[in-house]
Amino acid sequence: MKNSFYILMAILAFSSMPGNAGANTVLGSISCKQWQDRQNKPADAQAYTIWLNGYLSGANAQYGDMLGRDFIKNSDKISIVDWTDAYCKKHSESQLEDSANALIKLLIKDLPF
């Protein structure tokens, strides 16, 4: 029993160590330039789009509860990818997260109350 405890503790200690920490990328911190260059890298394009949709969904879950409404429903009128393309062309020094936050503000502002 005592040996099992020590083995479990060793497994937990080693499993929490970063294996390849340098390879991790925070997708929201990519630049609009990287977003615009994604056409040349289909795997990156897919990862960025998935991150963007997840970020917006998470914000919708958080702010939607506070507002009592689902603001993502308003996004059917626009393509999130097209909107982000336009934002990044205009604000090339911004980050992808900045674009997502600007879209969230726009969608919340357009909510019918």
Protein backbone atom coordinates (compact mmCIF):
# COMPACT_ATOMS: atom_id res chain seq x y z
CA MET A 1 0.00 0.00 0.00
CA LYS A 2 2.80 2.38 0.95
CA ASN A 3 4.71 1.55 -2.25
CA SER A 4 1.60 2.21 -4.34
CA PHE A 5 1.34 5.67 -2.82
CA TYR A 6 4.96 6.50 -3.70
CA ILE A 7 4.57 5.17 -7.23
CA LEU A 8 1.43 7.25 -7.71
CA MET A 9 3.19 10.36 -6.40
CA ALA A 10 6.13 9.78 -8.76
CA ILE A 11 3.79 9.38 -11.73
CA LEU A 12 1.96 12.57 -10.84
CA ALA A 13 5.21 14.49 -10.38
CA PHE A 14 6.63 13.42 -13.72
CA SER A 15 3.38 13.84 -15.63
CA SER A 16 3.17 17.49 -14.63
CA MET A 17 6.63 18.31 -15.99
CA PRO A 18 6.67 20.14 -19.33
CA GLY A 19 7.92 17.81 -22.02
CA ASN A 20 8.39 20.27 -24.85
CA ALA A 21 7.37 23.65 -23.51
CA GLY A 22 9.07 25.52 -26.34
CA ALA A 23 6.72 24.02 -28.92
CA ASN A 24 3.56 25.42 -27.36
CA THR A 25 1.94 28.39 -29.05
CA VAL A 26 -0.81 30.56 -27.68
CA LEU A 27 -2.92 31.02 -30.78
CA GLY A 28 -4.56 34.24 -29.63
CA SER A 29 -1.15 35.85 -29.55
CA ILE A 30 -0.51 35.36 -33.26
CA SER A 31 -0.35 38.52 -35.29
CA CYS A 32 -2.81 39.63 -37.91
CA LYS A 33 0.08 39.21 -40.37
CA GLN A 34 0.27 35.52 -39.45
CA TRP A 35 -3.52 35.28 -39.84
CA GLN A 36 -3.26 36.79 -43.32
CA ASP A 37 -0.42 34.43 -44.27
CA ARG A 38 -2.44 31.37 -43.25
CA GLN A 39 -3.54 30.64 -46.85
CA ASN A 40 -0.04 29.29 -47.44
CA LYS A 41 -0.33 26.91 -44.48
CA PRO A 42 -3.63 24.96 -44.41
CA ALA A 43 -2.87 23.32 -41.05
CA ASP A 44 -2.30 26.74 -39.48
CA ALA A 45 -5.44 28.11 -41.11
CA GLN A 46 -7.51 25.33 -39.59
CA ALA A 47 -5.93 25.74 -36.15
CA TYR A 48 -6.44 29.52 -36.17
CA THR A 49 -10.07 29.19 -37.25
CA ILE A 50 -10.79 26.54 -34.62
CA TRP A 51 -9.16 28.73 -31.95
CA LEU A 52 -11.18 31.76 -33.08
CA ASN A 53 -14.47 29.83 -32.96
CA GLY A 54 -13.63 28.44 -29.54
CA TYR A 55 -12.67 31.87 -28.20
CA LEU A 56 -15.96 33.35 -29.43
CA SER A 57 -17.93 30.42 -28.01
CA GLY A 58 -16.24 30.83 -24.63
CA ALA A 59 -16.97 34.55 -24.59
CA ASN A 60 -20.56 33.81 -25.57
CA ALA A 61 -20.88 31.39 -22.67
CA GLN A 62 -19.50 33.99 -20.25
CA TYR A 63 -21.14 37.16 -21.53
CA GLY A 64 -24.28 35.45 -22.80
CA ASP A 65 -25.16 34.50 -19.23
CA MET A 66 -24.58 38.05 -18.02
CA LEU A 67 -26.59 39.54 -20.88
CA GLY A 68 -29.23 36.84 -20.81
CA ARG A 69 -28.79 36.41 -24.57
CA ASP A 70 -26.75 34.48 -27.08
CA PHE A 71 -24.77 37.08 -29.03
CA ILE A 72 -23.28 34.51 -31.41
CA LYS A 73 -26.71 34.18 -33.06
CA ASN A 74 -26.08 37.60 -34.60
CA SER A 75 -23.01 36.26 -36.34
CA ASP A 76 -25.05 34.42 -39.02
CA LYS A 77 -25.14 37.72 -40.87
CA ILE A 78 -21.37 37.74 -41.22
CA SER A 79 -18.65 35.20 -41.77
CA ILE A 80 -16.33 35.22 -38.77
CA VAL A 81 -13.37 34.41 -41.02
CA ASP A 82 -14.26 37.15 -43.53
CA TRP A 83 -14.73 39.66 -40.70
CA THR A 84 -11.36 38.71 -39.22
CA ASP A 85 -9.73 39.04 -42.66
CA ALA A 86 -11.11 42.57 -43.01
CA TYR A 87 -10.08 43.51 -39.45
CA CYS A 88 -6.55 42.21 -39.92
CA LYS A 89 -6.14 44.05 -43.23
CA LYS A 90 -7.10 47.28 -41.47
CA HIS A 91 -5.17 46.58 -38.23
CA SER A 92 -2.12 44.63 -39.40
CA GLU A 93 -0.19 45.26 -36.16
CA SER A 94 -2.95 43.73 -34.00
CA GLN A 95 -3.21 40.23 -32.59
CA LEU A 96 -5.85 37.62 -33.43
CA GLU A 97 -7.26 38.05 -29.92
CA ASP A 98 -7.74 41.79 -30.59
CA SER A 99 -9.78 40.93 -33.66
CA ALA A 100 -11.92 38.46 -31.72
CA ASN A 101 -12.55 41.01 -28.95
CA ALA A 102 -13.53 43.67 -31.49
CA LEU A 103 -16.00 41.25 -33.07
CA ILE A 104 -17.46 40.38 -29.66
CA LYS A 105 -18.00 44.09 -28.93
CA LEU A 106 -19.70 44.54 -32.29
CA LEU A 107 -21.99 41.54 -31.82
CA ILE A 108 -22.94 42.59 -28.28
CA LYS A 109 -23.61 46.15 -29.44
CA ASP A 110 -25.94 44.84 -32.16
CA LEU A 111 -28.04 42.79 -29.73
CA PRO A 112 -31.71 43.72 -29.82
CA PHE A 113 -32.77 44.59 -26.28
